Amino acid sequence: MLEIKLDDEELKALYLAEVQKRLDKIELQSMLMDTKQLCKMLSLSWPTVEKLFLSDPNFPSIRIGKKWIFNRKQVQDYIDRWSIEKKKMRR
């Protein structure tokens, strides 16, 4: 005979962790992001993002009133190109 015992708290923690992973994945797949999401994506502070990227007119950003909006795919493409250029400059 096989007996299985489950710890309700541990099961709840595992369930919540899995739900959070799926929510994070959904967030990453969303098309637009705000400044907080951009900073998280780039692992940079907002002042650094402003200094490095918002001063570039080619950076994919939209300003609506006081709020900045960014297209996730366009930002990723820009960052990919930017990082390649930075690597070339170091050589």
PDB file of N, CA and C in Angstrom:
ATOM      1  N   MET A   1       0.844  -1.181   0.000  1.00  0.00           N
ATOM      2  CA  MET A   1       0.000   0.000   0.000  1.00  0.00           C
ATOM      3  C   MET A   1       0.889   1.243   0.000  1.00  0.00           C
ATOM      4  N   LEU A   2       0.486   2.221  -0.767  1.00  0.00           N
ATOM      5  CA  LEU A   2       1.219   3.477  -0.893  1.00  0.00           C
ATOM      6  C   LEU A   2       0.457   4.569  -0.164  1.00  0.00           C
ATOM      7  N   GLU A   3       1.160   5.274   0.684  1.00  0.00           N
ATOM      8  CA  GLU A   3       0.527   6.361   1.429  1.00  0.00           C
ATOM      9  C   GLU A   3       1.231   7.668   1.083  1.00  0.00           C
ATOM     10  N   ILE A   4       0.452   8.672   0.717  1.00  0.00           N
ATOM     11  CA  ILE A   4       1.004   9.986   0.351  1.00  0.00           C
ATOM     12  C   ILE A   4       0.488  11.019   1.340  1.00  0.00           C
ATOM     13  N   LYS A   5       1.436  11.783   1.880  1.00  0.00           N
ATOM     14  CA  LYS A   5       1.066  12.867   2.795  1.00  0.00           C
ATOM     15  C   LYS A   5       1.497  14.183   2.167  1.00  0.00           C
ATOM     16  N   LEU A   6       0.636  15.156   2.208  1.00  0.00           N
ATOM     17  CA  LEU A   6       0.922  16.469   1.644  1.00  0.00           C
ATOM     18  C   LEU A   6       0.900  17.523   2.735  1.00  0.00           C
ATOM     19  N   ASP A   7       1.876  18.396   2.674  1.00  0.00           N
ATOM     20  CA  ASP A   7       1.925  19.537   3.581  1.00  0.00           C
ATOM     21  C   ASP A   7       1.198  20.679   2.874  1.00  0.00           C
ATOM     22  N   ASP A   8       0.061  21.089   3.410  1.00  0.00           N
ATOM     23  CA  ASP A   8      -0.760  22.123   2.769  1.00  0.00           C
ATOM     24  C   ASP A   8       0.002  23.423   2.538  1.00  0.00           C
ATOM     25  N   GLU A   9       0.815  23.829   3.484  1.00  0.00           N
ATOM     26  CA  GLU A   9       1.559  25.092   3.345  1.00  0.00           C
ATOM     27  C   GLU A   9       2.615  24.987   2.245  1.00  0.00           C
ATOM     28  N   GLU A  10       3.292  23.861   2.181  1.00  0.00           N
ATOM     29  CA  GLU A  10       4.306  23.677   1.148  1.00  0.00           C
ATOM     30  C   GLU A  10       3.644  23.594  -0.235  1.00  0.00           C
ATOM     31  N   LEU A  11       2.521  22.909  -0.310  1.00  0.00           N
ATOM     32  CA  LEU A  11       1.777  22.818  -1.559  1.00  0.00           C
ATOM     33  C   LEU A  11       1.294  24.203  -2.006  1.00  0.00           C
ATOM     34  N   LYS A  12       0.820  24.991  -1.059  1.00  0.00           N
ATOM     35  CA  LYS A  12       0.370  26.355  -1.362  1.00  0.00           C
ATOM     36  C   LYS A  12       1.536  27.207  -1.870  1.00  0.00           C
ATOM     37  N   ALA A  13       2.706  27.094  -1.230  1.00  0.00           N
ATOM     38  CA  ALA A  13       3.882  27.856  -1.640  1.00  0.00           C
ATOM     39  C   ALA A  13       4.310  27.477  -3.062  1.00  0.00           C
ATOM     40  N   LEU A  14       4.297  26.181  -3.365  1.00  0.00           N
ATOM     41  CA  LEU A  14       4.656  25.726  -4.712  1.00  0.00           C
ATOM     42  C   LEU A  14       3.664  26.246  -5.745  1.00  0.00           C
ATOM     43  N   TYR A  15       2.397  26.204  -5.403  1.00  0.00           N
ATOM     44  CA  TYR A  15       1.346  26.689  -6.297  1.00  0.00           C
ATOM     45  C   TYR A  15       1.511  28.186  -6.572  1.00  0.00           C
ATOM     46  N   LEU A  16       1.727  28.966  -5.522  1.00  0.00           N
ATOM     47  CA  LEU A  16       1.885  30.413  -5.681  1.00  0.00           C
ATOM     48  C   LEU A  16       3.144  30.756  -6.488  1.00  0.00           C
ATOM     49  N   ALA A  17       4.202  29.998  -6.287  1.00  0.00           N
ATOM     50  CA  ALA A  17       5.432  30.234  -7.044  1.00  0.00           C
ATOM     51  C   ALA A  17       5.194  29.978  -8.534  1.00  0.00           C
ATOM     52  N   GLU A  18       4.465  28.933  -8.844  1.00  0.00           N
ATOM     53  CA  GLU A  18       4.165  28.612 -10.243  1.00  0.00           C
ATOM     54  C   GLU A  18       3.253  29.672 -10.867  1.00  0.00           C
ATOM     55  N   VAL A  19       2.275  30.130 -10.122  1.00  0.00           N
ATOM     56  CA  VAL A  19       1.384  31.183 -10.610  1.00  0.00           C
ATOM     57  C   VAL A  19       2.190  32.444 -10.895  1.00  0.00           C
ATOM     58  N   GLN A  20       3.122  32.804 -10.002  1.00  0.00           N
ATOM     59  CA  GLN A  20       3.943  34.000 -10.200  1.00  0.00           C
ATOM     60  C   GLN A  20       4.808  33.862 -11.444  1.00  0.00           C
ATOM     61  N   LYS A  21       5.380  32.692 -11.687  1.00  0.00           N
ATOM     62  CA  LYS A  21       6.177  32.464 -12.898  1.00  0.00           C
ATOM     63  C   LYS A  21       5.344  32.708 -14.149  1.00  0.00           C
ATOM     64  N   ARG A  22       4.121  32.210 -14.130  1.00  0.00           N
ATOM     65  CA  ARG A  22       3.254  32.380 -15.300  1.00  0.00           C
ATOM     66  C   ARG A  22       2.836  33.842 -15.481  1.00  0.00           C
ATOM     67  N   LEU A  23       2.603  34.547 -14.384  1.00  0.00           N
ATOM     68  CA  LEU A  23       2.265  35.973 -14.474  1.00  0.00           C
ATOM     69  C   LEU A  23       3.441  36.767 -15.026  1.00  0.00           C
ATOM     70  N   ASP A  24       4.646  36.431 -14.574  1.00  0.00           N
ATOM     71  CA  ASP A  24       5.841  37.106 -15.085  1.00  0.00           C
ATOM     72  C   ASP A  24       5.991  36.869 -16.586  1.00  0.00           C
ATOM     73  N   LYS A  25       5.720  35.652 -17.023  1.00  0.00           N
ATOM     74  CA  LYS A  25       5.812  35.326 -18.445  1.00  0.00           C
ATOM     75  C   LYS A  25       4.786  36.127 -19.257  1.00  0.00           C
ATOM     76  N   ILE A  26       3.576  36.232 -18.734  1.00  0.00           N
ATOM     77  CA  ILE A  26       2.530  37.008 -19.409  1.00  0.00           C
ATOM     78  C   ILE A  26       2.942  38.471 -19.502  1.00  0.00           C
ATOM     79  N   GLU A  27       3.503  38.996 -18.419  1.00  0.00           N
ATOM     80  CA  GLU A  27       3.952  40.396 -18.411  1.00  0.00           C
ATOM     81  C   GLU A  27       5.020  40.623 -19.465  1.00  0.00           C
ATOM     82  N   LEU A  28       5.946  39.663 -19.586  1.00  0.00           N
ATOM     83  CA  LEU A  28       7.008  39.794 -20.574  1.00  0.00           C
ATOM     84  C   LEU A  28       6.471  39.764 -22.001  1.00  0.00           C
ATOM     85  N   GLN A  29       5.349  39.100 -22.190  1.00  0.00           N
ATOM     86  CA  GLN A  29       4.787  38.989 -23.525  1.00  0.00           C
ATOM     87  C   GLN A  29       3.879  40.163 -23.886  1.00  0.00           C
ATOM     88  N   SER A  30       3.555  40.988 -22.909  1.00  0.00           N
ATOM     89  CA  SER A  30       2.692  42.122 -23.220  1.00  0.00           C
ATOM     90  C   SER A  30       3.443  43.088 -24.139  1.00  0.00           C
ATOM     91  N   MET A  31       2.713  43.756 -24.968  1.00  0.00           N
ATOM     92  CA  MET A  31       3.320  44.577 -26.001  1.00  0.00           C
ATOM     93  C   MET A  31       3.928  45.871 -25.468  1.00  0.00           C
ATOM     94  N   LEU A  32       3.214  46.573 -24.612  1.00  0.00           N
ATOM     95  CA  LEU A  32       3.685  47.867 -24.112  1.00  0.00           C
ATOM     96  C   LEU A  32       4.117  47.760 -22.660  1.00  0.00           C
ATOM     97  N   MET A  33       5.052  48.609 -22.289  1.00  0.00           N
ATOM     98  CA  MET A  33       5.486  48.651 -20.893  1.00  0.00           C
ATOM     99  C   MET A  33       5.691  50.098 -20.475  1.00  0.00           C
ATOM    100  N   ASP A  34       5.648  50.309 -19.163  1.00  0.00           N
ATOM    101  CA  ASP A  34       5.863  51.639 -18.617  1.00  0.00           C
ATOM    102  C   ASP A  34       7.318  51.769 -18.156  1.00  0.00           C
ATOM    103  N   THR A  35       7.636  52.896 -17.537  1.00  0.00           N
ATOM    104  CA  THR A  35       9.022  53.157 -17.129  1.00  0.00           C
ATOM    105  C   THR A  35       9.518  52.133 -16.112  1.00  0.00           C
ATOM    106  N   LYS A  36       8.655  51.747 -15.192  1.00  0.00           N
ATOM    107  CA  LYS A  36       9.051  50.779 -14.165  1.00  0.00           C
ATOM    108  C   LYS A  36       9.386  49.427 -14.801  1.00  0.00           C
ATOM    109  N   GLN A  37       8.559  48.998 -15.735  1.00  0.00           N
ATOM    110  CA  GLN A  37       8.801  47.728 -16.420  1.00  0.00           C
ATOM    111  C   GLN A  37      10.066  47.802 -17.282  1.00  0.00           C
ATOM    112  N   LEU A  38      10.293  48.957 -17.918  1.00  0.00           N
ATOM    113  CA  LEU A  38      11.495  49.133 -18.725  1.00  0.00           C
ATOM    114  C   LEU A  38      12.742  49.026 -17.858  1.00  0.00           C
ATOM    115  N   CYS A  39      12.724  49.708 -16.729  1.00  0.00           N
ATOM    116  CA  CYS A  39      13.869  49.653 -15.813  1.00  0.00           C
ATOM    117  C   CYS A  39      14.125  48.223 -15.350  1.00  0.00           C
ATOM    118  N   LYS A  40      13.056  47.504 -15.059  1.00  0.00           N
ATOM    119  CA  LYS A  40      13.188  46.113 -14.641  1.00  0.00           C
ATOM    120  C   LYS A  40      13.769  45.274 -15.772  1.00  0.00           C
ATOM    121  N   MET A  41      13.264  45.472 -16.976  1.00  0.00           N
ATOM    122  CA  MET A  41      13.750  44.716 -18.137  1.00  0.00           C
ATOM    123  C   MET A  41      15.242  44.945 -18.362  1.00  0.00           C
ATOM    124  N   LEU A  42      15.681  46.196 -18.223  1.00  0.00           N
ATOM    125  CA  LEU A  42      17.075  46.555 -18.488  1.00  0.00           C
ATOM    126  C   LEU A  42      17.975  46.422 -17.264  1.00  0.00           C
ATOM    127  N   SER A  43      17.379  46.222 -16.096  1.00  0.00           N
ATOM    128  CA  SER A  43      18.123  46.177 -14.826  1.00  0.00           C
ATOM    129  C   SER A  43      18.922  47.465 -14.610  1.00  0.00           C
ATOM    130  N   LEU A  44      18.257  48.584 -14.910  1.00  0.00           N
ATOM    131  CA  LEU A  44      18.874  49.895 -14.754  1.00  0.00           C
ATOM    132  C   LEU A  44      17.922  50.832 -14.015  1.00  0.00           C
ATOM    133  N   SER A  45      18.484  51.853 -13.399  1.00  0.00           N
ATOM    134  CA  SER A  45      17.650  52.860 -12.742  1.00  0.00           C
ATOM    135  C   SER A  45      17.071  53.797 -13.799  1.00  0.00           C
ATOM    136  N   TRP A  46      16.000  54.495 -13.423  1.00  0.00           N
ATOM    137  CA  TRP A  46      15.379  55.426 -14.366  1.00  0.00           C
ATOM    138  C   TRP A  46      16.337  56.536 -14.801  1.00  0.00           C
ATOM    139  N   PRO A  47      17.113  57.153 -13.894  1.00  0.00           N
ATOM    140  CA  PRO A  47      18.056  58.183 -14.359  1.00  0.00           C
ATOM    141  C   PRO A  47      19.072  57.644 -15.376  1.00  0.00           C
ATOM    142  N   THR A  48      19.497  56.406 -15.207  1.00  0.00           N
ATOM    143  CA  THR A  48      20.435  55.811 -16.158  1.00  0.00           C
ATOM    144  C   THR A  48      19.761  55.584 -17.507  1.00  0.00           C
ATOM    145  N   VAL A  49      18.519  55.107 -17.491  1.00  0.00           N
ATOM    146  CA  VAL A  49      17.764  54.909 -18.733  1.00  0.00           C
ATOM    147  C   VAL A  49      17.598  56.239 -19.457  1.00  0.00           C
ATOM    148  N   GLU A  50      17.255  57.280 -18.713  1.00  0.00           N
ATOM    149  CA  GLU A  50      17.103  58.607 -19.330  1.00  0.00           C
ATOM    150  C   GLU A  50      18.407  59.051 -19.977  1.00  0.00           C
ATOM    151  N   LYS A  51      19.501  58.906 -19.244  1.00  0.00           N
ATOM    152  CA  LYS A  51      20.806  59.365 -19.721  1.00  0.00           C
ATOM    153  C   LYS A  51      21.271  58.577 -20.947  1.00  0.00           C
ATOM    154  N   LEU A  52      21.141  57.245 -20.895  1.00  0.00           N
ATOM    155  CA  LEU A  52      21.651  56.404 -21.972  1.00  0.00           C
ATOM    156  C   LEU A  52      20.750  56.352 -23.202  1.00  0.00           C
ATOM    157  N   PHE A  53      19.441  56.327 -22.979  1.00  0.00           N
ATOM    158  CA  PHE A  53      18.549  55.993 -24.085  1.00  0.00           C
ATOM    159  C   PHE A  53      17.544  57.080 -24.485  1.00  0.00           C
ATOM    160  N   LEU A  54      16.939  57.743 -23.533  1.00  0.00           N
ATOM    161  CA  LEU A  54      15.901  58.707 -23.904  1.00  0.00           C
ATOM    162  C   LEU A  54      16.452  59.917 -24.633  1.00  0.00           C
ATOM    163  N   SER A  55      17.729  60.167 -24.475  1.00  0.00           N
ATOM    164  CA  SER A  55      18.335  61.278 -25.214  1.00  0.00           C
ATOM    165  C   SER A  55      18.519  60.937 -26.695  1.00  0.00           C
ATOM    166  N   ASP A  56      18.440  59.644 -27.032  1.00  0.00           N
ATOM    167  CA  ASP A  56      18.578  59.193 -28.418  1.00  0.00           C
ATOM    168  C   ASP A  56      17.207  59.238 -29.101  1.00  0.00           C
ATOM    169  N   PRO A  57      17.053  60.039 -30.152  1.00  0.00           N
ATOM    170  CA  PRO A  57      15.753  60.129 -30.831  1.00  0.00           C
ATOM    171  C   PRO A  57      15.330  58.815 -31.495  1.00  0.00           C
ATOM    172  N   ASN A  58      16.263  57.881 -31.677  1.00  0.00           N
ATOM    173  CA  ASN A  58      15.946  56.591 -32.282  1.00  0.00           C
ATOM    174  C   ASN A  58      15.445  55.564 -31.269  1.00  0.00           C
ATOM    175  N   PHE A  59      15.522  55.903 -29.981  1.00  0.00           N
ATOM    176  CA  PHE A  59      15.039  54.972 -28.965  1.00  0.00           C
ATOM    177  C   PHE A  59      13.513  54.910 -29.047  1.00  0.00           C
ATOM    178  N   PRO A  60      12.954  53.700 -29.113  1.00  0.00           N
ATOM    179  CA  PRO A  60      11.501  53.559 -29.311  1.00  0.00           C
ATOM    180  C   PRO A  60      10.693  53.917 -28.066  1.00  0.00           C
ATOM    181  N   SER A  61      10.268  55.149 -27.999  1.00  0.00           N
ATOM    182  CA  SER A  61       9.502  55.624 -26.846  1.00  0.00           C
ATOM    183  C   SER A  61       8.365  56.526 -27.309  1.00  0.00           C
ATOM    184  N   ILE A  62       7.326  56.535 -26.504  1.00  0.00           N
ATOM    185  CA  ILE A  62       6.175  57.393 -26.771  1.00  0.00           C
ATOM    186  C   ILE A  62       5.863  58.122 -25.473  1.00  0.00           C
ATOM    187  N   ARG A  63       5.723  59.423 -25.543  1.00  0.00           N
ATOM    188  CA  ARG A  63       5.346  60.190 -24.355  1.00  0.00           C
ATOM    189  C   ARG A  63       3.889  60.604 -24.486  1.00  0.00           C
ATOM    190  N   ILE A  64       3.103  60.220 -23.494  1.00  0.00           N
ATOM    191  CA  ILE A  64       1.688  60.582 -23.444  1.00  0.00           C
ATOM    192  C   ILE A  64       1.500  61.392 -22.173  1.00  0.00           C
ATOM    193  N   GLY A  65       1.364  62.706 -22.335  1.00  0.00           N
ATOM    194  CA  GLY A  65       1.326  63.574 -21.165  1.00  0.00           C
ATOM    195  C   GLY A  65       2.654  63.491 -20.436  1.00  0.00           C
ATOM    196  N   LYS A  66       2.611  63.085 -19.172  1.00  0.00           N
ATOM    197  CA  LYS A  66       3.834  62.929 -18.388  1.00  0.00           C
ATOM    198  C   LYS A  66       4.318  61.483 -18.349  1.00  0.00           C
ATOM    199  N   LYS A  67       3.581  60.600 -18.992  1.00  0.00           N
ATOM    200  CA  LYS A  67       3.885  59.172 -18.932  1.00  0.00           C
ATOM    201  C   LYS A  67       4.628  58.712 -20.182  1.00  0.00           C
ATOM    202  N   TRP A  68       5.646  57.868 -19.977  1.00  0.00           N
ATOM    203  CA  TRP A  68       6.385  57.256 -21.059  1.00  0.00           C
ATOM    204  C   TRP A  68       5.868  55.839 -21.276  1.00  0.00           C
ATOM    205  N   ILE A  69       5.727  55.448 -22.552  1.00  0.00           N
ATOM    206  CA  ILE A  69       5.301  54.108 -22.940  1.00  0.00           C
ATOM    207  C   ILE A  69       6.342  53.562 -23.914  1.00  0.00           C
ATOM    208  N   PHE A  70       6.631  52.263 -23.817  1.00  0.00           N
ATOM    209  CA  PHE A  70       7.650  51.645 -24.656  1.00  0.00           C
ATOM    210  C   PHE A  70       7.125  50.347 -25.242  1.00  0.00           C
ATOM    211  N   ASN A  71       7.399  50.142 -26.521  1.00  0.00           N
ATOM    212  CA  ASN A  71       7.048  48.895 -27.177  1.00  0.00           C
ATOM    213  C   ASN A  71       8.142  47.880 -26.840  1.00  0.00           C
ATOM    214  N   ARG A  72       7.746  46.803 -26.196  1.00  0.00           N
ATOM    215  CA  ARG A  72       8.705  45.822 -25.689  1.00  0.00           C
ATOM    216  C   ARG A  72       9.604  45.251 -26.799  1.00  0.00           C
ATOM    217  N   LYS A  73       9.023  44.859 -27.922  1.00  0.00           N
ATOM    218  CA  LYS A  73       9.802  44.250 -29.011  1.00  0.00           C
ATOM    219  C   LYS A  73      10.768  45.269 -29.615  1.00  0.00           C
ATOM    220  N   GLN A  74      10.285  46.494 -29.835  1.00  0.00           N
ATOM    221  CA  GLN A  74      11.158  47.521 -30.408  1.00  0.00           C
ATOM    222  C   GLN A  74      12.306  47.865 -29.468  1.00  0.00           C
ATOM    223  N   VAL A  75      12.026  47.908 -28.164  1.00  0.00           N
ATOM    224  CA  VAL A  75      13.089  48.178 -27.188  1.00  0.00           C
ATOM    225  C   VAL A  75      14.115  47.046 -27.225  1.00  0.00           C
ATOM    226  N   GLN A  76      13.644  45.800 -27.274  1.00  0.00           N
ATOM    227  CA  GLN A  76      14.567  44.668 -27.316  1.00  0.00           C
ATOM    228  C   GLN A  76      15.448  44.726 -28.558  1.00  0.00           C
ATOM    229  N   ASP A  77      14.853  45.050 -29.689  1.00  0.00           N
ATOM    230  CA  ASP A  77      15.624  45.185 -30.933  1.00  0.00           C
ATOM    231  C   ASP A  77      16.660  46.304 -30.817  1.00  0.00           C
ATOM    232  N   TYR A  78      16.256  47.434 -30.257  1.00  0.00           N
ATOM    233  CA  TYR A  78      17.162  48.572 -30.075  1.00  0.00           C
ATOM    234  C   TYR A  78      18.331  48.181 -29.160  1.00  0.00           C
ATOM    235  N   ILE A  79      18.015  47.539 -28.040  1.00  0.00           N
ATOM    236  CA  ILE A  79      19.048  47.143 -27.072  1.00  0.00           C
ATOM    237  C   ILE A  79      20.009  46.142 -27.702  1.00  0.00           C
ATOM    238  N   ASP A  80      19.494  45.229 -28.499  1.00  0.00           N
ATOM    239  CA  ASP A  80      20.363  44.273 -29.193  1.00  0.00           C
ATOM    240  C   ASP A  80      21.351  45.006 -30.096  1.00  0.00           C
ATOM    241  N   ARG A  81      20.842  45.964 -30.887  1.00  0.00           N
ATOM    242  CA  ARG A  81      21.722  46.745 -31.775  1.00  0.00           C
ATOM    243  C   ARG A  81      22.705  47.588 -30.965  1.00  0.00           C
ATOM    244  N   TRP A  82      22.219  48.219 -29.911  1.00  0.00           N
ATOM    245  CA  TRP A  82      23.040  49.087 -29.066  1.00  0.00           C
ATOM    246  C   TRP A  82      24.194  48.294 -28.435  1.00  0.00           C
ATOM    247  N   SER A  83      23.887  47.111 -27.927  1.00  0.00           N
ATOM    248  CA  SER A  83      24.927  46.311 -27.270  1.00  0.00           C
ATOM    249  C   SER A  83      25.977  45.839 -28.280  1.00  0.00           C
ATOM    250  N   ILE A  84      25.557  45.528 -29.497  1.00  0.00           N
ATOM    251  CA  ILE A  84      26.518  45.143 -30.540  1.00  0.00           C
ATOM    252  C   ILE A  84      27.445  46.310 -30.854  1.00  0.00           C
ATOM    253  N   GLU A  85      26.866  47.514 -30.972  1.00  0.00           N
ATOM    254  CA  GLU A  85      27.666  48.716 -31.239  1.00  0.00           C
ATOM    255  C   GLU A  85      28.656  48.984 -30.109  1.00  0.00           C
ATOM    256  N   LYS A  86      28.204  48.835 -28.875  1.00  0.00           N
ATOM    257  CA  LYS A  86      29.091  49.065 -27.726  1.00  0.00           C
ATOM    258  C   LYS A  86      30.239  48.074 -27.721  1.00  0.00           C
ATOM    259  N   LYS A  87      29.972  46.825 -28.072  1.00  0.00           N
ATOM    260  CA  LYS A  87      31.027  45.812 -28.128  1.00  0.00           C
ATOM    261  C   LYS A  87      32.042  46.151 -29.226  1.00  0.00           C
ATOM    262  N   LYS A  88      31.553  46.650 -30.364  1.00  0.00           N
ATOM    263  CA  LYS A  88      32.441  47.025 -31.467  1.00  0.00           C
ATOM    264  C   LYS A  88      33.344  48.185 -31.063  1.00  0.00           C
ATOM    265  N   MET A  89      32.811  49.127 -30.279  1.00  0.00           N
ATOM    266  CA  MET A  89      33.568  50.297 -29.860  1.00  0.00           C
ATOM    267  C   MET A  89      34.712  49.927 -28.917  1.00  0.00           C
ATOM    268  N   ARG A  90      34.554  48.838 -28.172  1.00  0.00           N
ATOM    269  CA  ARG A  90      35.583  48.418 -27.207  1.00  0.00           C
ATOM    270  C   ARG A  90      36.784  47.788 -27.897  1.00  0.00           C
ATOM    271  N   ARG A  91      36.605  47.325 -29.110  1.00  0.00           N
ATOM    272  CA  ARG A  91      37.700  46.624 -29.814  1.00  0.00           C
ATOM    273  C   ARG A  91      38.717  47.563 -30.340  1.00  0.00           C
TER     274      ARG A  91
END
